[in-house]
């Protein structure tokens, strides 16, 4: 019996490398069947960790996109672009809200990555619009609720 388990486990690990989709389907089948002895635990752990990292990366990316477009909307005097930047800000806010709805534990993470995301966005917009001046630090309310709801260009 022990031999059969190790052969199957080796097959599942090999499947992870050879056909990821099939590997996920088999893992789901085994989990539903509560067949825990046949799980590819090491790769399963790696994938779950990866999901968490990807969620954080997506959240940071959306926050960075928010900053980029807000910096342009507030500090770049191109009225013909305002509507597009505001639409992008609205779309990014929805994405951030969706992520926070699924993972509310990211709310404190926003404070942790706030300055890094802002600096990354600032670097990008300074390159795109060198003729304009942008503040080196965030000039508005840092609370996530404010970011999701306040139209900073109206203040």
C-alpha atoms as a PDB file:
ATOM      1  CA  UNK A   1       0.000   0.000   0.000  1.00  0.00           C
ATOM      2  CA  UNK A   2       2.761   2.462   0.868  1.00  0.00           C
ATOM      3  CA  UNK A   3       4.447   1.792  -2.506  1.00  0.00           C
ATOM      4  CA  UNK A   4       1.256   2.629  -4.445  1.00  0.00           C
ATOM      5  CA  UNK A   5       0.927   5.959  -2.648  1.00  0.00           C
ATOM      6  CA  UNK A   6       4.466   7.029  -3.485  1.00  0.00           C
ATOM      7  CA  UNK A   7       4.083   6.040  -7.159  1.00  0.00           C
ATOM      8  CA  UNK A   8       0.832   7.998  -7.463  1.00  0.00           C
ATOM      9  CA  UNK A   9       2.314  10.994  -5.658  1.00  0.00           C
ATOM     10  CA  UNK A  10       5.294  10.975  -8.024  1.00  0.00           C
ATOM     11  CA  UNK A  11       2.897  10.862 -10.979  1.00  0.00           C
ATOM     12  CA  UNK A  12       0.960  13.847  -9.619  1.00  0.00           C
ATOM     13  CA  UNK A  13       4.178  15.841  -9.053  1.00  0.00           C
ATOM     14  CA  UNK A  14       5.277  15.054 -12.608  1.00  0.00           C
ATOM     15  CA  UNK A  15       1.855  16.117 -13.847  1.00  0.00           C
ATOM     16  CA  UNK A  16       2.353  19.483 -12.134  1.00  0.00           C
ATOM     17  CA  UNK A  17       5.364  20.103 -14.362  1.00  0.00           C
ATOM     18  CA  UNK A  18       3.909  18.599 -17.541  1.00  0.00           C
ATOM     19  CA  UNK A  19       0.245  19.689 -17.557  1.00  0.00           C
ATOM     20  CA  UNK A  20      -0.649  22.318 -14.990  1.00  0.00           C
ATOM     21  CA  UNK A  21      -4.362  22.447 -15.842  1.00  0.00           C
ATOM     22  CA  UNK A  22      -4.743  18.695 -15.540  1.00  0.00           C
ATOM     23  CA  UNK A  23      -2.788  18.828 -12.273  1.00  0.00           C
ATOM     24  CA  UNK A  24      -5.250  21.398 -10.847  1.00  0.00           C
ATOM     25  CA  UNK A  25      -8.224  19.302 -11.921  1.00  0.00           C
ATOM     26  CA  UNK A  26      -6.790  16.206 -10.275  1.00  0.00           C
ATOM     27  CA  UNK A  27      -5.964  18.093  -7.086  1.00  0.00           C
ATOM     28  CA  UNK A  28      -9.524  19.425  -6.915  1.00  0.00           C
ATOM     29  CA  UNK A  29     -10.870  15.906  -7.469  1.00  0.00           C
ATOM     30  CA  UNK A  30      -8.692  14.548  -4.673  1.00  0.00           C
ATOM     31  CA  UNK A  31      -9.701  17.344  -2.316  1.00  0.00           C
ATOM     32  CA  UNK A  32     -13.396  16.803  -3.014  1.00  0.00           C
ATOM     33  CA  UNK A  33     -12.945  13.087  -2.436  1.00  0.00           C
ATOM     34  CA  UNK A  34     -11.024  13.870   0.761  1.00  0.00           C
ATOM     35  CA  UNK A  35      -8.189  11.754  -0.642  1.00  0.00           C
ATOM     36  CA  UNK A  36      -5.542  13.652   1.286  1.00  0.00           C
ATOM     37  CA  UNK A  37      -2.947  10.885   1.058  1.00  0.00           C
ATOM     38  CA  UNK A  38      -2.754  11.343  -2.712  1.00  0.00           C
ATOM     39  CA  UNK A  39      -2.286  15.116  -2.700  1.00  0.00           C
ATOM     40  CA  UNK A  40       0.782  16.802  -4.111  1.00  0.00           C
ATOM     41  CA  UNK A  41       1.236  18.783  -0.894  1.00  0.00           C
ATOM     42  CA  UNK A  42       4.462  20.645  -1.729  1.00  0.00           C
ATOM     43  CA  UNK A  43       3.167  22.039  -5.018  1.00  0.00           C
ATOM     44  CA  UNK A  44      -0.260  22.698  -3.506  1.00  0.00           C
ATOM     45  CA  UNK A  45       1.361  24.807  -0.764  1.00  0.00           C
ATOM     46  CA  UNK A  46       3.390  26.652  -3.379  1.00  0.00           C
ATOM     47  CA  UNK A  47       0.276  27.393  -5.433  1.00  0.00           C
ATOM     48  CA  UNK A  48      -1.719  28.657  -2.454  1.00  0.00           C
ATOM     49  CA  UNK A  49       1.170  30.934  -1.456  1.00  0.00           C
ATOM     50  CA  UNK A  50       1.312  32.123  -5.037  1.00  0.00           C
ATOM     51  CA  UNK A  51      -2.397  33.008  -4.978  1.00  0.00           C
ATOM     52  CA  UNK A  52      -1.848  35.246  -1.976  1.00  0.00           C
ATOM     53  CA  UNK A  53       1.129  36.926  -3.609  1.00  0.00           C
ATOM     54  CA  UNK A  54      -0.803  37.449  -6.839  1.00  0.00           C
ATOM     55  CA  UNK A  55      -3.687  39.061  -4.946  1.00  0.00           C
ATOM     56  CA  UNK A  56      -1.259  41.445  -3.255  1.00  0.00           C
ATOM     57  CA  UNK A  57       0.473  42.181  -6.563  1.00  0.00           C
ATOM     58  CA  UNK A  58      -2.860  42.924  -8.270  1.00  0.00           C
ATOM     59  CA  UNK A  59      -3.928  45.189  -5.419  1.00  0.00           C
ATOM     60  CA  UNK A  60      -0.647  47.116  -5.558  1.00  0.00           C
ATOM     61  CA  UNK A  61      -0.898  47.370  -9.346  1.00  0.00           C
ATOM     62  CA  UNK A  62      -4.377  48.850  -9.168  1.00  0.00           C
ATOM     63  CA  UNK A  63      -3.306  51.278  -6.453  1.00  0.00           C
ATOM     64  CA  UNK A  64      -0.359  52.330  -8.617  1.00  0.00           C
ATOM     65  CA  UNK A  65      -2.670  52.825 -11.631  1.00  0.00           C
ATOM     66  CA  UNK A  66      -4.960  54.922  -9.439  1.00  0.00           C
ATOM     67  CA  UNK A  67      -2.022  57.151  -8.437  1.00  0.00           C
ATOM     68  CA  UNK A  68      -0.779  57.469 -12.021  1.00  0.00           C
ATOM     69  CA  UNK A  69      -4.095  58.655 -13.366  1.00  0.00           C
ATOM     70  CA  UNK A  70      -4.874  60.839 -10.392  1.00  0.00           C
ATOM     71  CA  UNK A  71      -1.493  62.566 -10.671  1.00  0.00           C
ATOM     72  CA  UNK A  72      -2.195  63.226 -14.336  1.00  0.00           C
ATOM     73  CA  UNK A  73      -5.729  64.425 -13.640  1.00  0.00           C
ATOM     74  CA  UNK A  74      -4.694  66.808 -10.865  1.00  0.00           C
ATOM     75  CA  UNK A  75      -1.335  68.097 -12.100  1.00  0.00           C
ATOM     76  CA  UNK A  76      -1.310  67.809 -15.901  1.00  0.00           C
ATOM     77  CA  UNK A  77      -3.152  70.690 -17.560  1.00  0.00           C
ATOM     78  CA  UNK A  78      -4.655  68.804 -20.486  1.00  0.00           C
ATOM     79  CA  UNK A  79      -8.438  69.262 -20.192  1.00  0.00           C
ATOM     80  CA  UNK A  80      -9.038  67.139 -23.295  1.00  0.00           C
ATOM     81  CA  UNK A  81      -7.655  64.160 -21.303  1.00  0.00           C
ATOM     82  CA  UNK A  82      -9.523  64.749 -18.036  1.00  0.00           C
ATOM     83  CA  UNK A  83     -12.516  62.593 -18.921  1.00  0.00           C
ATOM     84  CA  UNK A  84     -10.382  59.606 -19.883  1.00  0.00           C
ATOM     85  CA  UNK A  85      -8.264  59.875 -16.736  1.00  0.00           C
ATOM     86  CA  UNK A  86     -11.388  60.157 -14.571  1.00  0.00           C
ATOM     87  CA  UNK A  87     -12.912  57.075 -16.241  1.00  0.00           C
ATOM     88  CA  UNK A  88      -9.726  55.124 -15.613  1.00  0.00           C
ATOM     89  CA  UNK A  89      -9.714  56.252 -11.969  1.00  0.00           C
ATOM     90  CA  UNK A  90     -13.318  55.068 -11.635  1.00  0.00           C
ATOM     91  CA  UNK A  91     -12.502  51.700 -13.227  1.00  0.00           C
ATOM     92  CA  UNK A  92      -9.453  51.174 -11.035  1.00  0.00           C
ATOM     93  CA  UNK A  93     -11.477  52.046  -7.945  1.00  0.00           C
ATOM     94  CA  UNK A  94     -13.977  49.323  -8.835  1.00  0.00           C
ATOM     95  CA  UNK A  95     -11.126  46.832  -9.209  1.00  0.00           C
ATOM     96  CA  UNK A  96      -9.710  47.837  -5.817  1.00  0.00           C
ATOM     97  CA  UNK A  97     -13.162  47.548  -4.227  1.00  0.00           C
ATOM     98  CA  UNK A  98     -13.612  44.075  -5.717  1.00  0.00           C
ATOM     99  CA  UNK A  99     -10.254  42.914  -4.402  1.00  0.00           C
ATOM    100  CA  UNK A 100     -11.011  44.334  -0.948  1.00  0.00           C
ATOM    101  CA  UNK A 101     -14.428  42.683  -0.953  1.00  0.00           C
ATOM    102  CA  UNK A 102     -12.811  39.296  -1.599  1.00  0.00           C
ATOM    103  CA  UNK A 103      -9.821  39.945   0.697  1.00  0.00           C
ATOM    104  CA  UNK A 104     -10.660  42.511   3.401  1.00  0.00           C
ATOM    105  CA  UNK A 105      -7.383  41.692   5.155  1.00  0.00           C
ATOM    106  CA  UNK A 106      -5.687  43.766   2.429  1.00  0.00           C
ATOM    107  CA  UNK A 107      -7.003  47.003   3.955  1.00  0.00           C
ATOM    108  CA  UNK A 108      -4.042  47.327   6.348  1.00  0.00           C
ATOM    109  CA  UNK A 109      -1.714  46.234   3.527  1.00  0.00           C
ATOM    110  CA  UNK A 110      -2.690  49.383   1.626  1.00  0.00           C
ATOM    111  CA  UNK A 111      -0.917  51.490   4.270  1.00  0.00           C
ATOM    112  CA  UNK A 112       2.131  49.236   4.023  1.00  0.00           C
ATOM    113  CA  UNK A 113       2.515  49.649   0.240  1.00  0.00           C
ATOM    114  CA  UNK A 114       1.067  53.142  -0.114  1.00  0.00           C
ATOM    115  CA  UNK A 115       4.330  55.077  -0.413  1.00  0.00           C
ATOM    116  CA  UNK A 116       6.010  52.521  -2.677  1.00  0.00           C
ATOM    117  CA  UNK A 117       3.040  52.452  -5.064  1.00  0.00           C
ATOM    118  CA  UNK A 118       2.905  56.250  -5.071  1.00  0.00           C
ATOM    119  CA  UNK A 119       6.632  56.555  -5.798  1.00  0.00           C
ATOM    120  CA  UNK A 120       6.376  54.045  -8.653  1.00  0.00           C
ATOM    121  CA  UNK A 121       3.473  55.972 -10.161  1.00  0.00           C
ATOM    122  CA  UNK A 122       5.271  59.267  -9.656  1.00  0.00           C
ATOM    123  CA  UNK A 123       8.352  58.002 -11.451  1.00  0.00           C
ATOM    124  CA  UNK A 124       6.241  56.954 -14.421  1.00  0.00           C
ATOM    125  CA  UNK A 125       4.266  60.182 -14.777  1.00  0.00           C
ATOM    126  CA  UNK A 126       7.398  62.305 -14.375  1.00  0.00           C
ATOM    127  CA  UNK A 127       8.876  60.459 -17.359  1.00  0.00           C
ATOM    128  CA  UNK A 128       5.677  60.816 -19.388  1.00  0.00           C
ATOM    129  CA  UNK A 129       5.136  64.501 -18.568  1.00  0.00           C
ATOM    130  CA  UNK A 130       8.538  66.047 -17.775  1.00  0.00           C
ATOM    131  CA  UNK A 131       7.194  69.548 -18.411  1.00  0.00           C
ATOM    132  CA  UNK A 132       4.866  69.296 -15.383  1.00  0.00           C
ATOM    133  CA  UNK A 133       5.623  69.375 -11.656  1.00  0.00           C
ATOM    134  CA  UNK A 134       4.340  66.652  -9.354  1.00  0.00           C
ATOM    135  CA  UNK A 135       4.605  66.493  -5.552  1.00  0.00           C
ATOM    136  CA  UNK A 136       7.208  64.064  -4.241  1.00  0.00           C
ATOM    137  CA  UNK A 137       4.795  62.908  -1.531  1.00  0.00           C
ATOM    138  CA  UNK A 138       1.068  62.213  -1.499  1.00  0.00           C
ATOM    139  CA  UNK A 139      -0.793  65.469  -0.787  1.00  0.00           C
ATOM    140  CA  UNK A 140      -4.208  64.079   0.090  1.00  0.00           C
ATOM    141  CA  UNK A 141      -5.974  61.824   2.581  1.00  0.00           C
ATOM    142  CA  UNK A 142      -4.259  58.404   2.748  1.00  0.00           C
ATOM    143  CA  UNK A 143      -7.255  56.414   3.986  1.00  0.00           C
ATOM    144  CA  UNK A 144      -8.396  53.704   1.580  1.00  0.00           C
ATOM    145  CA  UNK A 145     -12.011  54.908   1.837  1.00  0.00           C
ATOM    146  CA  UNK A 146     -10.920  58.336   0.684  1.00  0.00           C
ATOM    147  CA  UNK A 147      -8.997  56.861  -2.234  1.00  0.00           C
ATOM    148  CA  UNK A 148     -12.056  54.880  -3.237  1.00  0.00           C
ATOM    149  CA  UNK A 149     -14.521  57.754  -2.991  1.00  0.00           C
ATOM    150  CA  UNK A 150     -12.976  61.216  -3.085  1.00  0.00           C
ATOM    151  CA  UNK A 151     -12.606  63.150  -6.309  1.00  0.00           C
ATOM    152  CA  UNK A 152      -9.368  64.890  -5.340  1.00  0.00           C
ATOM    153  CA  UNK A 153      -9.399  67.194  -8.365  1.00  0.00           C
ATOM    154  CA  UNK A 154     -12.547  68.887  -7.022  1.00  0.00           C
ATOM    155  CA  UNK A 155     -10.912  69.957  -3.752  1.00  0.00           C
END
